């Protein structure tokens, strides 16, 4: 699986987990905290997805912008949906804006140049989701979590998860495959002859 596909899968799995937590705790989350959560998730997913679509569809800014804006808006919308209309607006619009910025950034740089920026964004996304999950847990004072969930919420487990994401990201290869390089060679050769 390519590095871009791996990042998409990770972002989607982490998003589904966080959206499920928001849905489950919707009665205990204050409106301002919900708006910040929807905005942060919509913005980070919009930036990451927009950049990945910009890298995947280089040369077609309108398509990558549309896909990036859609991904960010949908992410912010569904995190904000269980909370309030204001939270939906906050999450959706921040996702739209971030999707545009991510797509423009993805169009301007190559995959090799994007590696450190993608690494930073994926680590920031993971850290933000973990912090917002702990924040929501502190707000939810009535419900007592099970022993299994308490173990998963230990700070050491969060640090180990960040370390695992770091190691996983370092193991990915962002270099273009040989087939991509071969398919690009005739195009450069044709341009030189003209």
C-alpha atoms as a PDB file:
ATOM      1  CA  UNK A   1       0.000   0.000   0.000  1.00  0.00           C
ATOM      2  CA  UNK A   2       1.376   3.449  -0.883  1.00  0.00           C
ATOM      3  CA  UNK A   3       2.264   6.030   1.763  1.00  0.00           C
ATOM      4  CA  UNK A   4      -0.645   8.257   0.710  1.00  0.00           C
ATOM      5  CA  UNK A   5      -3.110   5.369   1.079  1.00  0.00           C
ATOM      6  CA  UNK A   6      -1.710   4.453   4.490  1.00  0.00           C
ATOM      7  CA  UNK A   7      -2.150   8.015   5.727  1.00  0.00           C
ATOM      8  CA  UNK A   8      -5.733   8.125   4.408  1.00  0.00           C
ATOM      9  CA  UNK A   9      -6.572   4.860   6.191  1.00  0.00           C
ATOM     10  CA  UNK A  10      -5.038   6.060   9.464  1.00  0.00           C
ATOM     11  CA  UNK A  11      -6.869   9.405   9.322  1.00  0.00           C
ATOM     12  CA  UNK A  12     -10.207   7.692   8.613  1.00  0.00           C
ATOM     13  CA  UNK A  13      -9.820   5.111  11.403  1.00  0.00           C
ATOM     14  CA  UNK A  14      -8.840   7.788  13.943  1.00  0.00           C
ATOM     15  CA  UNK A  15     -11.724   9.998  12.775  1.00  0.00           C
ATOM     16  CA  UNK A  16     -14.310   7.229  13.126  1.00  0.00           C
ATOM     17  CA  UNK A  17     -13.030   6.487  16.641  1.00  0.00           C
ATOM     18  CA  UNK A  18     -13.252  10.162  17.680  1.00  0.00           C
ATOM     19  CA  UNK A  19     -16.661  10.753  16.060  1.00  0.00           C
ATOM     20  CA  UNK A  20     -17.979   7.676  17.893  1.00  0.00           C
ATOM     21  CA  UNK A  21     -16.704   9.098  21.215  1.00  0.00           C
ATOM     22  CA  UNK A  22     -18.356  12.456  20.523  1.00  0.00           C
ATOM     23  CA  UNK A  23     -21.635  10.721  19.670  1.00  0.00           C
ATOM     24  CA  UNK A  24     -21.471   8.603  22.824  1.00  0.00           C
ATOM     25  CA  UNK A  25     -20.702  11.557  25.111  1.00  0.00           C
ATOM     26  CA  UNK A  26     -22.857  14.171  23.369  1.00  0.00           C
ATOM     27  CA  UNK A  27     -24.930  14.851  26.492  1.00  0.00           C
ATOM     28  CA  UNK A  28     -21.873  15.750  28.571  1.00  0.00           C
ATOM     29  CA  UNK A  29     -19.942  17.938  26.105  1.00  0.00           C
ATOM     30  CA  UNK A  30     -20.320  21.696  26.525  1.00  0.00           C
ATOM     31  CA  UNK A  31     -21.113  23.677  23.392  1.00  0.00           C
ATOM     32  CA  UNK A  32     -17.824  25.607  23.339  1.00  0.00           C
ATOM     33  CA  UNK A  33     -15.777  22.433  23.767  1.00  0.00           C
ATOM     34  CA  UNK A  34     -17.792  20.783  21.009  1.00  0.00           C
ATOM     35  CA  UNK A  35     -17.169  23.729  18.682  1.00  0.00           C
ATOM     36  CA  UNK A  36     -13.427  23.589  19.319  1.00  0.00           C
ATOM     37  CA  UNK A  37     -13.407  19.813  18.742  1.00  0.00           C
ATOM     38  CA  UNK A  38     -15.367  20.079  15.483  1.00  0.00           C
ATOM     39  CA  UNK A  39     -13.187  22.943  14.282  1.00  0.00           C
ATOM     40  CA  UNK A  40      -9.916  21.158  15.112  1.00  0.00           C
ATOM     41  CA  UNK A  41     -10.969  17.861  13.541  1.00  0.00           C
ATOM     42  CA  UNK A  42     -12.440  19.506  10.427  1.00  0.00           C
ATOM     43  CA  UNK A  43      -9.373  21.672   9.978  1.00  0.00           C
ATOM     44  CA  UNK A  44      -6.781  18.934  10.469  1.00  0.00           C
ATOM     45  CA  UNK A  45      -8.601  16.463   8.230  1.00  0.00           C
ATOM     46  CA  UNK A  46      -9.139  19.189   5.619  1.00  0.00           C
ATOM     47  CA  UNK A  47      -5.431  20.066   5.644  1.00  0.00           C
ATOM     48  CA  UNK A  48      -4.227  16.467   5.492  1.00  0.00           C
ATOM     49  CA  UNK A  49      -6.791  15.297   2.924  1.00  0.00           C
ATOM     50  CA  UNK A  50      -6.407  18.451   0.820  1.00  0.00           C
ATOM     51  CA  UNK A  51      -2.644  18.028   0.732  1.00  0.00           C
ATOM     52  CA  UNK A  52      -2.910  14.331  -0.136  1.00  0.00           C
ATOM     53  CA  UNK A  53      -5.447  15.042  -2.897  1.00  0.00           C
ATOM     54  CA  UNK A  54      -3.224  17.868  -4.162  1.00  0.00           C
ATOM     55  CA  UNK A  55      -0.304  15.446  -4.353  1.00  0.00           C
ATOM     56  CA  UNK A  56      -2.432  12.742  -5.982  1.00  0.00           C
ATOM     57  CA  UNK A  57      -4.077  15.024  -8.569  1.00  0.00           C
ATOM     58  CA  UNK A  58      -1.145  17.345  -9.307  1.00  0.00           C
ATOM     59  CA  UNK A  59      -1.995  19.545 -12.254  1.00  0.00           C
ATOM     60  CA  UNK A  60      -5.714  19.578 -11.448  1.00  0.00           C
ATOM     61  CA  UNK A  61      -6.133  22.158  -8.692  1.00  0.00           C
ATOM     62  CA  UNK A  62      -9.910  22.349  -9.020  1.00  0.00           C
ATOM     63  CA  UNK A  63     -10.358  18.606  -8.488  1.00  0.00           C
ATOM     64  CA  UNK A  64      -7.976  18.397  -5.523  1.00  0.00           C
ATOM     65  CA  UNK A  65      -9.525  21.515  -3.971  1.00  0.00           C
ATOM     66  CA  UNK A  66     -13.033  20.114  -4.343  1.00  0.00           C
ATOM     67  CA  UNK A  67     -12.070  16.772  -2.777  1.00  0.00           C
ATOM     68  CA  UNK A  68     -10.073  18.415   0.029  1.00  0.00           C
ATOM     69  CA  UNK A  69     -12.881  20.849   0.854  1.00  0.00           C
ATOM     70  CA  UNK A  70     -15.416  18.018   0.804  1.00  0.00           C
ATOM     71  CA  UNK A  71     -13.341  15.816   3.127  1.00  0.00           C
ATOM     72  CA  UNK A  72     -12.796  18.617   5.640  1.00  0.00           C
ATOM     73  CA  UNK A  73     -16.410  19.801   5.534  1.00  0.00           C
ATOM     74  CA  UNK A  74     -17.839  16.296   5.964  1.00  0.00           C
ATOM     75  CA  UNK A  75     -15.451  15.578   8.853  1.00  0.00           C
ATOM     76  CA  UNK A  76     -16.365  18.794  10.670  1.00  0.00           C
ATOM     77  CA  UNK A  77     -20.065  18.325   9.934  1.00  0.00           C
ATOM     78  CA  UNK A  78     -20.321  14.831  11.396  1.00  0.00           C
ATOM     79  CA  UNK A  79     -18.308  15.660  14.528  1.00  0.00           C
ATOM     80  CA  UNK A  80     -20.519  18.690  15.161  1.00  0.00           C
ATOM     81  CA  UNK A  81     -23.832  17.030  14.233  1.00  0.00           C
ATOM     82  CA  UNK A  82     -24.599  15.379  17.593  1.00  0.00           C
ATOM     83  CA  UNK A  83     -23.894  18.601  19.503  1.00  0.00           C
ATOM     84  CA  UNK A  84     -25.569  21.696  17.984  1.00  0.00           C
ATOM     85  CA  UNK A  85     -26.192  23.676  14.801  1.00  0.00           C
ATOM     86  CA  UNK A  86     -23.476  26.165  15.734  1.00  0.00           C
ATOM     87  CA  UNK A  87     -20.989  23.326  16.145  1.00  0.00           C
ATOM     88  CA  UNK A  88     -21.956  21.957  12.724  1.00  0.00           C
ATOM     89  CA  UNK A  89     -21.353  25.372  11.133  1.00  0.00           C
ATOM     90  CA  UNK A  90     -18.010  25.788  12.914  1.00  0.00           C
ATOM     91  CA  UNK A  91     -16.742  22.342  11.928  1.00  0.00           C
ATOM     92  CA  UNK A  92     -18.006  22.491   8.343  1.00  0.00           C
ATOM     93  CA  UNK A  93     -16.596  25.921   7.512  1.00  0.00           C
ATOM     94  CA  UNK A  94     -13.214  25.266   9.119  1.00  0.00           C
ATOM     95  CA  UNK A  95     -12.992  22.014   7.142  1.00  0.00           C
ATOM     96  CA  UNK A  96     -13.818  23.871   3.903  1.00  0.00           C
ATOM     97  CA  UNK A  97     -11.136  26.457   4.513  1.00  0.00           C
ATOM     98  CA  UNK A  98      -8.478  23.919   5.495  1.00  0.00           C
ATOM     99  CA  UNK A  99      -9.288  21.701   2.501  1.00  0.00           C
ATOM    100  CA  UNK A 100      -8.603  24.645   0.180  1.00  0.00           C
ATOM    101  CA  UNK A 101      -5.299  25.449   1.849  1.00  0.00           C
ATOM    102  CA  UNK A 102      -4.178  21.824   1.894  1.00  0.00           C
ATOM    103  CA  UNK A 103      -4.990  21.327  -1.797  1.00  0.00           C
ATOM    104  CA  UNK A 104      -3.045  24.443  -2.790  1.00  0.00           C
ATOM    105  CA  UNK A 105      -0.087  23.297  -0.726  1.00  0.00           C
ATOM    106  CA  UNK A 106      -0.230  19.801  -2.233  1.00  0.00           C
ATOM    107  CA  UNK A 107      -0.218  21.277  -5.743  1.00  0.00           C
ATOM    108  CA  UNK A 108       2.862  23.382  -5.056  1.00  0.00           C
ATOM    109  CA  UNK A 109       5.181  20.692  -3.678  1.00  0.00           C
ATOM    110  CA  UNK A 110       6.324  17.198  -4.612  1.00  0.00           C
ATOM    111  CA  UNK A 111       5.685  14.075  -2.572  1.00  0.00           C
ATOM    112  CA  UNK A 112       9.269  14.004  -1.295  1.00  0.00           C
ATOM    113  CA  UNK A 113       9.006  17.640  -0.164  1.00  0.00           C
ATOM    114  CA  UNK A 114       5.669  16.937   1.515  1.00  0.00           C
ATOM    115  CA  UNK A 115       7.031  14.176   3.754  1.00  0.00           C
ATOM    116  CA  UNK A 116       8.098  16.362   6.726  1.00  0.00           C
ATOM    117  CA  UNK A 117       4.925  18.431   6.540  1.00  0.00           C
ATOM    118  CA  UNK A 118       2.704  15.347   6.364  1.00  0.00           C
ATOM    119  CA  UNK A 119       4.610  13.861   9.298  1.00  0.00           C
ATOM    120  CA  UNK A 120       4.000  17.015  11.335  1.00  0.00           C
ATOM    121  CA  UNK A 121       0.298  17.120  10.443  1.00  0.00           C
ATOM    122  CA  UNK A 122      -0.292  13.424  11.206  1.00  0.00           C
ATOM    123  CA  UNK A 123       1.468  13.729  14.578  1.00  0.00           C
ATOM    124  CA  UNK A 124      -0.505  16.903  15.358  1.00  0.00           C
ATOM    125  CA  UNK A 125      -3.747  15.163  14.351  1.00  0.00           C
ATOM    126  CA  UNK A 126      -2.985  12.182  16.605  1.00  0.00           C
ATOM    127  CA  UNK A 127      -1.976  14.368  19.554  1.00  0.00           C
ATOM    128  CA  UNK A 128      -5.061  16.598  19.171  1.00  0.00           C
ATOM    129  CA  UNK A 129      -7.422  13.626  19.071  1.00  0.00           C
ATOM    130  CA  UNK A 130      -5.837  12.153  22.198  1.00  0.00           C
ATOM    131  CA  UNK A 131      -5.956  15.491  24.045  1.00  0.00           C
ATOM    132  CA  UNK A 132      -9.566  16.175  23.035  1.00  0.00           C
ATOM    133  CA  UNK A 133     -10.550  12.661  24.125  1.00  0.00           C
ATOM    134  CA  UNK A 134      -9.026  13.254  27.571  1.00  0.00           C
ATOM    135  CA  UNK A 135     -10.679  16.680  27.704  1.00  0.00           C
ATOM    136  CA  UNK A 136     -14.073  15.139  26.986  1.00  0.00           C
ATOM    137  CA  UNK A 137     -13.443  12.490  29.629  1.00  0.00           C
ATOM    138  CA  UNK A 138     -12.795  15.182  32.238  1.00  0.00           C
ATOM    139  CA  UNK A 139     -16.093  16.845  31.312  1.00  0.00           C
ATOM    140  CA  UNK A 140     -17.989  13.595  31.685  1.00  0.00           C
ATOM    141  CA  UNK A 141     -18.060  13.289  35.471  1.00  0.00           C
ATOM    142  CA  UNK A 142     -21.250  11.266  35.879  1.00  0.00           C
ATOM    143  CA  UNK A 143     -20.473   8.134  33.891  1.00  0.00           C
ATOM    144  CA  UNK A 144     -17.761   5.881  35.245  1.00  0.00           C
ATOM    145  CA  UNK A 145     -15.652   4.285  32.504  1.00  0.00           C
ATOM    146  CA  UNK A 146     -14.867   0.592  32.569  1.00  0.00           C
ATOM    147  CA  UNK A 147     -11.481  -0.731  33.728  1.00  0.00           C
ATOM    148  CA  UNK A 148     -10.473  -1.494  30.123  1.00  0.00           C
ATOM    149  CA  UNK A 149     -11.111   2.091  29.041  1.00  0.00           C
ATOM    150  CA  UNK A 150      -9.174   3.427  32.041  1.00  0.00           C
ATOM    151  CA  UNK A 151      -6.103   1.471  30.939  1.00  0.00           C
ATOM    152  CA  UNK A 152      -6.449   2.841  27.389  1.00  0.00           C
ATOM    153  CA  UNK A 153      -6.634   6.408  28.733  1.00  0.00           C
ATOM    154  CA  UNK A 154      -3.401   6.195  30.703  1.00  0.00           C
ATOM    155  CA  UNK A 155      -0.875   8.857  29.590  1.00  0.00           C
ATOM    156  CA  UNK A 156       1.748   6.184  28.908  1.00  0.00           C
ATOM    157  CA  UNK A 157      -0.628   4.510  26.431  1.00  0.00           C
ATOM    158  CA  UNK A 158      -1.088   7.863  24.661  1.00  0.00           C
ATOM    159  CA  UNK A 159       2.676   8.368  24.508  1.00  0.00           C
ATOM    160  CA  UNK A 160       3.119   4.827  23.150  1.00  0.00           C
ATOM    161  CA  UNK A 161       0.489   5.524  20.486  1.00  0.00           C
ATOM    162  CA  UNK A 162       2.338   8.672  19.406  1.00  0.00           C
ATOM    163  CA  UNK A 163       5.584   6.683  19.330  1.00  0.00           C
ATOM    164  CA  UNK A 164       3.907   3.976  17.224  1.00  0.00           C
ATOM    165  CA  UNK A 165       2.663   6.603  14.744  1.00  0.00           C
ATOM    166  CA  UNK A 166       6.181   8.072  14.626  1.00  0.00           C
ATOM    167  CA  UNK A 167       7.773   4.672  13.905  1.00  0.00           C
ATOM    168  CA  UNK A 168       5.080   3.801  11.334  1.00  0.00           C
ATOM    169  CA  UNK A 169       5.597   7.106   9.538  1.00  0.00           C
ATOM    170  CA  UNK A 170       9.370   6.681   9.451  1.00  0.00           C
ATOM    171  CA  UNK A 171       8.943   3.223   7.882  1.00  0.00           C
ATOM    172  CA  UNK A 172       6.900   4.602   4.966  1.00  0.00           C
ATOM    173  CA  UNK A 173       8.543   5.253   1.629  1.00  0.00           C
ATOM    174  CA  UNK A 174       7.672   8.499  -0.126  1.00  0.00           C
ATOM    175  CA  UNK A 175       9.989   7.914  -3.077  1.00  0.00           C
ATOM    176  CA  UNK A 176       8.181   7.396  -6.384  1.00  0.00           C
ATOM    177  CA  UNK A 177       8.037   3.803  -7.559  1.00  0.00           C
ATOM    178  CA  UNK A 178      10.069   2.655 -10.563  1.00  0.00           C
ATOM    179  CA  UNK A 179       6.940   2.416 -12.723  1.00  0.00           C
ATOM    180  CA  UNK A 180       6.126   6.080 -11.954  1.00  0.00           C
ATOM    181  CA  UNK A 181       9.654   7.120 -12.913  1.00  0.00           C
ATOM    182  CA  UNK A 182       9.529   5.100 -16.148  1.00  0.00           C
ATOM    183  CA  UNK A 183       6.165   6.566 -17.153  1.00  0.00           C
ATOM    184  CA  UNK A 184       7.479  10.095 -16.525  1.00  0.00           C
ATOM    185  CA  UNK A 185      10.653   9.638 -18.611  1.00  0.00           C
ATOM    186  CA  UNK A 186       9.039   9.618 -22.087  1.00  0.00           C
ATOM    187  CA  UNK A 187       7.112  12.771 -21.251  1.00  0.00           C
ATOM    188  CA  UNK A 188      10.298  14.644 -20.324  1.00  0.00           C
ATOM    189  CA  UNK A 189      12.009  13.254 -23.423  1.00  0.00           C
ATOM    190  CA  UNK A 190       9.168  14.458 -25.655  1.00  0.00           C
ATOM    191  CA  UNK A 191       9.332  17.939 -24.159  1.00  0.00           C
ATOM    192  CA  UNK A 192      13.062  18.209 -24.858  1.00  0.00           C
ATOM    193  CA  UNK A 193      12.640  17.328 -28.542  1.00  0.00           C
ATOM    194  CA  UNK A 194      10.163  20.150 -29.174  1.00  0.00           C
END
